[in-house]
């Protein structure tokens, strides 16, 4: 989810490479495209064959393919695994509501820094099913975990959090609702949001390039942190380690299916409003072309091996749910259809088509409404 200002026309001047890649003659005129794409971008897209995708890859054994595909993704994260780093959790800010106990937990997701998150535990005897709740982007950085969990610990963020909940979640705090319905909930800030920010919108691209110059990756860091957060949640005594789900809207949806692909600690994932085919997304006018927020979801070179739904398919045959809004301008219907078709084909080939659910809400845009939330929770109750 990103700021919704229109992407204006921009001129992109190219040289003789246009003729070499596109087969045309070199002219003295500047090439112009609608959006910051080189005019030979169709040739670049045509070259993407996604050779490691299930069904295209020569690997026919499901487990062997999953290992190979996951290894390819992990290599492109540019951030090494952090399995040996102690979490060393510290708990604070404890309070009780009618439905749950609320705590702040600070953990080392990587060896680089400690991250504070909200942890909600239902009353009663555990172990409980659990949800790793992953916040969106939204071009709003003063709140992160507070977009999904009511900030009982910080009154200054409450007004912003309520406004966000009203705009995208029918006024609900999704984390509080999940805890009320019997799920342990963990929600942490990604780098740039809440306690780890606030980042300015136009600083994202510089932040990402600085990571690359340091031999690392902004998107890779987020992927590793989410992977580790899932393992931390599954390891809590109060949690049934076999019943952990990842759930999110928009960038949080991307994070949910990505974490399911990379972590065996995630038994199921629900992703709302972030799924498309890569080629269908890389078209003039698409929000991704602005850069900035795209860097949180960009692993350089991975597209030479796998399409976006191919990465999500690494999670097969575990239960997965994908919702999209028919009026969502960030993810046009054509790209969603392509992605859903690829996903269903993979689950079908695994003899597990009943474990994947895809649904378009034709009257909705880029939101996670109360009706959608209720359907997700009912689905989680069923699959977990």
Protein backbone atom coordinates (compact mmCIF):
# COMPACT_ATOMS: atom_id res chain seq x y z
CA UNK A 1 0.00 0.00 0.00
CA UNK A 2 1.45 3.35 -0.97
CA UNK A 3 0.48 6.98 -1.33
CA UNK A 4 -2.14 7.31 -4.00
CA UNK A 5 -0.91 10.34 -5.90
CA UNK A 6 -1.02 9.83 -9.65
CA UNK A 7 2.12 8.77 -11.46
CA UNK A 8 2.78 11.52 -13.95
CA UNK A 9 4.24 11.23 -17.43
CA UNK A 10 8.03 11.14 -17.49
CA UNK A 11 10.49 11.15 -20.32
CA UNK A 12 13.09 8.40 -20.46
CA UNK A 13 15.84 9.06 -23.01
CA UNK A 14 17.70 6.00 -24.29
CA UNK A 15 20.42 5.36 -26.81
CA UNK A 16 21.36 2.69 -29.29
CA UNK A 17 20.43 -0.05 -26.83
CA UNK A 18 16.85 0.42 -27.92
CA UNK A 19 17.63 -0.84 -31.39
CA UNK A 20 19.79 -3.68 -30.14
CA UNK A 21 17.17 -5.05 -27.74
CA UNK A 22 14.03 -4.09 -29.55
CA UNK A 23 15.14 -4.80 -33.09
CA UNK A 24 14.43 -1.29 -34.32
CA UNK A 25 16.63 1.21 -36.08
CA UNK A 26 18.51 3.90 -34.23
CA UNK A 27 16.98 7.29 -34.82
CA UNK A 28 17.91 10.74 -33.73
CA UNK A 29 14.74 11.11 -31.71
CA UNK A 30 14.49 10.57 -27.98
CA UNK A 31 12.44 7.59 -26.82
CA UNK A 32 9.50 8.49 -24.59
CA UNK A 33 7.42 6.16 -22.46
CA UNK A 34 4.48 6.78 -20.16
CA UNK A 35 6.18 6.22 -16.82
CA UNK A 36 9.84 5.74 -15.84
CA UNK A 37 10.40 2.62 -17.92
CA UNK A 38 12.95 2.25 -20.72
CA UNK A 39 11.15 2.06 -24.03
CA UNK A 40 12.63 -1.44 -24.56
CA UNK A 41 11.00 -2.80 -21.40
CA UNK A 42 8.81 -5.24 -23.41
CA UNK A 43 11.99 -6.97 -24.62
CA UNK A 44 13.24 -7.24 -21.03
CA UNK A 45 9.93 -8.74 -19.94
CA UNK A 46 9.93 -11.20 -22.84
CA UNK A 47 13.31 -12.46 -21.65
CA UNK A 48 11.86 -13.44 -18.26
CA UNK A 49 11.01 -17.13 -18.57
CA UNK A 50 10.98 -17.97 -14.82
CA UNK A 51 12.86 -21.24 -15.42
CA UNK A 52 12.78 -22.34 -11.78
CA UNK A 53 8.98 -22.18 -11.50
CA UNK A 54 7.21 -25.41 -10.61
CA UNK A 55 6.23 -27.05 -13.91
CA UNK A 56 8.99 -25.29 -15.82
CA UNK A 57 11.85 -26.49 -13.68
CA UNK A 58 13.35 -29.86 -14.62
CA UNK A 59 13.02 -30.82 -10.95
CA UNK A 60 9.93 -33.02 -10.62
CA UNK A 61 10.18 -34.10 -6.99
CA UNK A 62 8.11 -31.67 -4.89
CA UNK A 63 10.42 -31.59 -1.90
CA UNK A 64 13.53 -31.22 -4.03
CA UNK A 65 11.91 -28.39 -5.99
CA UNK A 66 10.88 -26.61 -2.79
CA UNK A 67 14.43 -26.80 -1.47
CA UNK A 68 15.87 -25.49 -4.75
CA UNK A 69 13.33 -22.66 -5.11
CA UNK A 70 13.68 -21.60 -1.48
CA UNK A 71 17.47 -21.63 -1.79
CA UNK A 72 17.22 -19.36 -4.83
CA UNK A 73 15.05 -16.88 -2.95
CA UNK A 74 17.31 -16.94 0.09
CA UNK A 75 20.38 -16.32 -2.03
CA UNK A 76 18.78 -13.18 -3.46
CA UNK A 77 17.86 -11.80 -0.04
CA UNK A 78 21.53 -10.79 0.35
CA UNK A 79 21.10 -11.07 4.13
CA UNK A 80 22.43 -14.25 5.66
CA UNK A 81 20.30 -16.44 7.90
CA UNK A 82 20.23 -15.36 11.53
CA UNK A 83 19.36 -18.69 13.15
CA UNK A 84 22.22 -18.54 15.66
CA UNK A 85 21.28 -15.13 17.07
CA UNK A 86 19.64 -15.46 20.53
CA UNK A 87 16.23 -13.78 20.71
CA UNK A 88 16.82 -12.72 24.34
CA UNK A 89 13.22 -11.52 24.78
CA UNK A 90 12.40 -8.79 27.28
CA UNK A 91 8.77 -8.25 28.30
CA UNK A 92 7.25 -4.99 29.52
CA UNK A 93 4.08 -2.90 29.47
CA UNK A 94 1.86 -5.72 30.66
CA UNK A 95 -1.86 -5.05 31.00
CA UNK A 96 -5.08 -7.05 30.94
CA UNK A 97 -8.31 -6.54 29.06
CA UNK A 98 -11.51 -8.55 29.13
CA UNK A 99 -10.20 -10.70 26.29
CA UNK A 100 -6.44 -10.96 26.59
CA UNK A 101 -3.17 -10.04 28.25
CA UNK A 102 -1.18 -7.41 26.38
CA UNK A 103 2.60 -7.15 26.53
CA UNK A 104 5.42 -5.43 24.74
CA UNK A 105 8.23 -7.77 23.80
CA UNK A 106 11.69 -6.72 22.62
CA UNK A 107 13.70 -9.31 20.70
CA UNK A 108 16.78 -9.67 18.52
CA UNK A 109 15.43 -10.75 15.15
CA UNK A 110 18.89 -10.28 13.67
CA UNK A 111 22.27 -9.56 15.21
CA UNK A 112 22.03 -5.94 14.12
CA UNK A 113 19.38 -4.46 16.42
CA UNK A 114 16.57 -5.23 18.81
CA UNK A 115 12.95 -4.76 17.79
CA UNK A 116 9.92 -4.04 19.96
CA UNK A 117 6.57 -5.65 19.21
CA UNK A 118 3.08 -6.10 20.62
CA UNK A 119 2.18 -9.54 21.98
CA UNK A 120 -1.43 -10.42 22.81
CA UNK A 121 -2.37 -13.65 24.63
CA UNK A 122 -5.98 -14.81 25.11
CA UNK A 123 -7.16 -15.68 28.60
CA UNK A 124 -7.49 -19.35 29.35
CA UNK A 125 -5.35 -22.43 29.12
CA UNK A 126 -2.96 -22.77 26.21
CA UNK A 127 -1.23 -23.61 24.12
CA UNK A 128 -3.14 -21.45 21.64
CA UNK A 129 -3.06 -21.08 17.88
CA UNK A 130 -1.14 -17.96 16.89
CA UNK A 131 -0.94 -15.30 14.20
CA UNK A 132 2.14 -13.41 13.07
CA UNK A 133 0.41 -10.18 12.09
CA UNK A 134 2.33 -8.14 9.51
CA UNK A 135 1.64 -4.46 8.99
CA UNK A 136 1.21 -2.67 5.68
CA UNK A 137 3.22 0.12 4.06
CA UNK A 138 0.69 2.84 3.33
CA UNK A 139 3.31 5.59 2.98
CA UNK A 140 2.54 6.29 6.65
CA UNK A 141 5.49 5.63 8.93
CA UNK A 142 4.63 7.09 12.34
CA UNK A 143 2.76 3.87 13.17
CA UNK A 144 3.62 0.29 12.24
CA UNK A 145 2.39 -2.38 14.64
CA UNK A 146 -0.13 0.22 15.84
CA UNK A 147 -1.96 -0.11 12.53
CA UNK A 148 -3.08 -3.55 13.70
CA UNK A 149 -2.89 -3.53 17.51
CA UNK A 150 -4.42 -0.78 19.64
CA UNK A 151 -1.45 1.07 21.21
CA UNK A 152 -2.30 0.84 24.91
CA UNK A 153 1.31 1.86 25.68
CA UNK A 154 1.41 5.14 23.71
CA UNK A 155 -1.45 7.64 23.73
CA UNK A 156 0.34 9.86 21.20
CA UNK A 157 -0.05 7.19 18.51
CA UNK A 158 -3.62 6.29 19.32
CA UNK A 159 -5.30 8.95 17.16
CA UNK A 160 -3.22 8.01 14.11
CA UNK A 161 -3.88 4.32 14.76
CA UNK A 162 -7.64 4.84 15.04
CA UNK A 163 -7.69 6.83 11.80
CA UNK A 164 -5.80 4.05 10.04
CA UNK A 165 -8.14 1.38 11.38
CA UNK A 166 -11.12 3.42 10.20
CA UNK A 167 -9.65 3.87 6.73
CA UNK A 168 -8.62 0.30 5.98
CA UNK A 169 -10.03 -2.07 8.61
CA UNK A 170 -13.66 -0.99 9.19
CA UNK A 171 -12.56 0.64 12.43
CA UNK A 172 -11.22 -2.58 13.92
CA UNK A 173 -7.81 -3.34 15.32
CA UNK A 174 -7.24 -6.69 13.64
CA UNK A 175 -4.82 -7.93 16.28
CA UNK A 176 -7.20 -7.21 19.14
CA UNK A 177 -9.99 -8.98 17.25
CA UNK A 178 -7.84 -12.06 16.67
CA UNK A 179 -6.91 -12.19 20.36
CA UNK A 180 -10.58 -11.91 21.28
CA UNK A 181 -11.23 -14.94 19.08
CA UNK A 182 -8.58 -17.05 20.78
CA UNK A 183 -5.30 -16.39 18.92
CA UNK A 184 -1.96 -15.32 20.32
CA UNK A 185 -0.89 -12.33 18.21
CA UNK A 186 2.61 -10.98 17.56
CA UNK A 187 3.09 -7.77 15.58
CA UNK A 188 6.42 -5.97 15.16
CA UNK A 189 7.63 -2.86 13.34
CA UNK A 190 9.49 -3.23 10.07
CA UNK A 191 12.48 -0.93 9.62
CA UNK A 192 11.23 2.61 9.05
CA UNK A 193 7.92 2.39 10.96
CA UNK A 194 6.81 3.16 14.50
CA UNK A 195 9.61 2.62 16.99
CA UNK A 196 12.03 2.11 14.07
CA UNK A 197 11.14 5.34 12.30
CA UNK A 198 9.46 7.40 11.19
CA UNK A 199 10.99 7.29 7.74
CA UNK A 200 10.06 9.97 5.21
CA UNK A 201 8.48 8.67 2.00
CA UNK A 202 11.16 10.09 -0.26
CA UNK A 203 13.97 8.62 1.85
CA UNK A 204 13.11 5.02 1.00
CA UNK A 205 15.05 4.83 -2.23
CA UNK A 206 18.19 6.23 -0.63
CA UNK A 207 17.83 3.85 2.30
CA UNK A 208 17.56 0.90 -0.09
CA UNK A 209 20.55 2.00 -2.18
CA UNK A 210 22.61 2.43 0.98
CA UNK A 211 21.79 -1.15 1.93
CA UNK A 212 22.96 -2.32 -1.50
CA UNK A 213 26.18 -0.32 -1.20
CA UNK A 214 26.76 -2.04 2.13
CA UNK A 215 26.37 -5.45 0.51
CA UNK A 216 22.94 -5.95 2.02
CA UNK A 217 19.26 -5.46 1.16
CA UNK A 218 16.33 -3.61 2.70
CA UNK A 219 13.81 -6.15 1.39
CA UNK A 220 16.09 -9.00 2.40
CA UNK A 221 16.32 -7.66 5.95
CA UNK A 222 12.54 -7.50 6.22
CA UNK A 223 12.23 -11.05 4.89
CA UNK A 224 14.79 -12.37 7.39
CA UNK A 225 13.15 -10.54 10.28
CA UNK A 226 9.71 -11.92 9.42
CA UNK A 227 11.20 -15.41 9.07
CA UNK A 228 12.75 -15.11 12.53
CA UNK A 229 9.61 -13.59 14.04
CA UNK A 230 7.64 -16.65 12.92
CA UNK A 231 10.14 -18.95 14.60
CA UNK A 232 10.09 -16.88 17.80
CA UNK A 233 6.30 -16.95 17.94
CA UNK A 234 6.16 -20.70 17.31
CA UNK A 235 8.66 -21.24 20.13
CA UNK A 236 6.65 -19.52 22.86
CA UNK A 237 5.29 -21.90 25.51
CA UNK A 238 1.84 -20.34 25.18
CA UNK A 239 1.69 -21.19 21.44
CA UNK A 240 0.88 -24.45 19.68
CA UNK A 241 3.87 -24.58 17.34
CA UNK A 242 1.93 -26.52 14.72
CA UNK A 243 -0.81 -23.86 14.46
CA UNK A 244 0.94 -20.62 13.53
CA UNK A 245 -0.38 -18.46 10.68
CA UNK A 246 0.88 -15.31 8.96
CA UNK A 247 -1.69 -12.64 8.08
CA UNK A 248 -1.46 -9.20 6.50
CA UNK A 249 -2.86 -6.51 4.21
CA UNK A 250 -0.97 -5.00 1.27
CA UNK A 251 2.76 -5.04 2.06
CA UNK A 252 1.73 -7.13 5.06
CA UNK A 253 0.11 -9.58 2.63
CA UNK A 254 3.34 -9.74 0.65
CA UNK A 255 5.19 -10.39 3.89
CA UNK A 256 2.67 -13.10 4.88
CA UNK A 257 3.05 -15.26 1.77
CA UNK A 258 6.78 -14.60 1.62
CA UNK A 259 7.19 -15.77 5.22
CA UNK A 260 5.13 -18.88 4.48
CA UNK A 261 7.44 -19.60 1.54
CA UNK A 262 10.60 -19.18 3.62
CA UNK A 263 9.59 -20.59 7.00
CA UNK A 264 8.38 -24.04 7.97
CA UNK A 265 7.10 -22.51 11.21
CA UNK A 266 4.13 -21.02 9.29
CA UNK A 267 1.33 -23.56 8.91
CA UNK A 268 -0.98 -21.27 6.91
CA UNK A 269 -1.09 -17.73 5.54
CA UNK A 270 -3.80 -15.23 4.63
CA UNK A 271 -2.79 -12.45 2.24
CA UNK A 272 -5.13 -9.57 1.46
CA UNK A 273 -4.45 -7.28 -1.52
CA UNK A 274 -0.93 -8.16 -2.62
CA UNK A 275 -0.64 -10.72 -5.38
CA UNK A 276 0.00 -10.30 -9.08
CA UNK A 277 2.12 -11.53 -11.94
CA UNK A 278 5.36 -9.61 -12.27
CA UNK A 279 5.02 -8.90 -15.98
CA UNK A 280 1.46 -7.65 -15.47
CA UNK A 281 2.67 -5.34 -12.71
CA UNK A 282 5.54 -3.82 -14.69
CA UNK A 283 3.43 -1.66 -17.00
CA UNK A 284 3.27 2.11 -17.47
CA UNK A 285 1.24 3.77 -14.75
CA UNK A 286 1.64 1.06 -12.12
CA UNK A 287 2.39 2.27 -8.61
CA UNK A 288 5.50 0.04 -8.41
CA UNK A 289 7.26 2.11 -11.07
CA UNK A 290 7.73 5.03 -8.70
CA UNK A 291 10.39 3.06 -6.82
CA UNK A 292 10.41 4.19 -3.17
CA UNK A 293 8.09 1.67 -1.47
CA UNK A 294 8.90 -0.95 -4.13
CA UNK A 295 12.33 -1.43 -2.56
CA UNK A 296 10.80 -3.15 0.46
CA UNK A 297 9.58 -5.86 -1.91
CA UNK A 298 12.47 -6.03 -4.38
CA UNK A 299 15.06 -8.82 -4.41
CA UNK A 300 17.39 -7.95 -7.31
CA UNK A 301 17.83 -10.75 -9.83
CA UNK A 302 15.17 -13.05 -8.40
CA UNK A 303 12.90 -12.46 -11.41
CA UNK A 304 15.45 -14.27 -13.58
CA UNK A 305 14.35 -17.43 -11.77
CA UNK A 306 10.84 -17.07 -10.32
CA UNK A 307 7.67 -15.05 -10.84
CA UNK A 308 5.91 -13.53 -7.83
CA UNK A 309 3.31 -16.33 -7.49
CA UNK A 310 6.11 -18.88 -7.99
CA UNK A 311 7.72 -17.64 -4.78
CA UNK A 312 4.44 -17.89 -2.90
CA UNK A 313 4.04 -21.41 -4.29
CA UNK A 314 7.04 -22.60 -2.30
CA UNK A 315 4.56 -22.79 0.60
CA UNK A 316 2.45 -25.44 -1.18
CA UNK A 317 0.68 -27.60 -0.17
CA UNK A 318 0.09 -25.75 3.10
CA UNK A 319 -3.24 -23.87 3.39
CA UNK A 320 -3.13 -20.40 1.81
CA UNK A 321 -5.79 -17.74 1.32
CA UNK A 322 -5.57 -14.82 -1.11
CA UNK A 323 -8.14 -12.00 -1.25
CA UNK A 324 -8.15 -9.03 -3.60
CA UNK A 325 -10.44 -6.11 -4.27
CA UNK A 326 -11.96 -5.77 -7.72
CA UNK A 327 -11.55 -1.98 -7.49
CA UNK A 328 -7.95 -2.10 -6.28
CA UNK A 329 -5.96 0.12 -8.64
CA UNK A 330 -2.62 -1.04 -7.20
CA UNK A 331 -3.16 -4.61 -8.41
CA UNK A 332 -5.24 -4.65 -11.62
CA UNK A 333 -7.47 -7.62 -12.29
CA UNK A 334 -5.37 -9.02 -15.14
CA UNK A 335 -2.31 -9.48 -12.97
CA UNK A 336 -4.34 -10.95 -10.15
CA UNK A 337 -5.95 -13.50 -12.52
CA UNK A 338 -2.58 -14.58 -13.86
CA UNK A 339 -1.18 -15.01 -10.36
CA UNK A 340 -4.22 -16.88 -9.04
CA UNK A 341 -4.10 -19.22 -12.01
CA UNK A 342 -0.45 -20.05 -11.36
CA UNK A 343 -1.08 -20.58 -7.66
CA UNK A 344 -4.05 -22.88 -8.17
CA UNK A 345 -2.12 -24.92 -10.74
CA UNK A 346 0.69 -25.56 -8.26
CA UNK A 347 -1.65 -26.64 -5.46
CA UNK A 348 -3.54 -28.80 -7.96
CA UNK A 349 -0.33 -30.51 -9.02
CA UNK A 350 0.31 -31.23 -5.34
CA UNK A 351 -3.17 -32.81 -5.09
CA UNK A 352 -4.09 -30.11 -2.58
CA UNK A 353 -6.32 -27.70 -4.50
CA UNK A 354 -8.77 -27.64 -1.58
CA UNK A 355 -6.04 -26.03 0.54
CA UNK A 356 -5.78 -22.84 -1.50
CA UNK A 357 -8.52 -20.25 -1.56
CA UNK A 358 -8.57 -17.25 -3.89
CA UNK A 359 -11.35 -14.69 -3.93
CA UNK A 360 -12.05 -11.33 -5.52
CA UNK A 361 -14.34 -8.91 -3.71
CA UNK A 362 -15.68 -7.01 -6.74
CA UNK A 363 -17.08 -4.04 -4.82
CA UNK A 364 -13.95 -3.36 -2.73
CA UNK A 365 -10.63 -1.64 -3.28
CA UNK A 366 -7.39 -1.82 -1.31
CA UNK A 367 -8.88 -2.62 2.10
CA UNK A 368 -9.31 -5.36 4.71
CA UNK A 369 -12.89 -4.84 5.84
CA UNK A 370 -14.68 -6.44 8.77
CA UNK A 371 -16.43 -8.89 6.42
CA UNK A 372 -13.09 -9.93 4.95
CA UNK A 373 -11.61 -10.24 8.43
CA UNK A 374 -14.48 -12.45 9.60
CA UNK A 375 -13.98 -14.72 6.62
CA UNK A 376 -10.24 -14.94 7.26
CA UNK A 377 -10.76 -15.86 10.92
CA UNK A 378 -13.33 -18.50 10.01
CA UNK A 379 -10.84 -19.91 7.51
CA UNK A 380 -8.06 -19.90 10.12
CA UNK A 381 -10.35 -21.73 12.56
CA UNK A 382 -10.94 -24.35 9.91
CA UNK A 383 -7.37 -24.91 8.65
CA UNK A 384 -5.60 -24.61 12.01
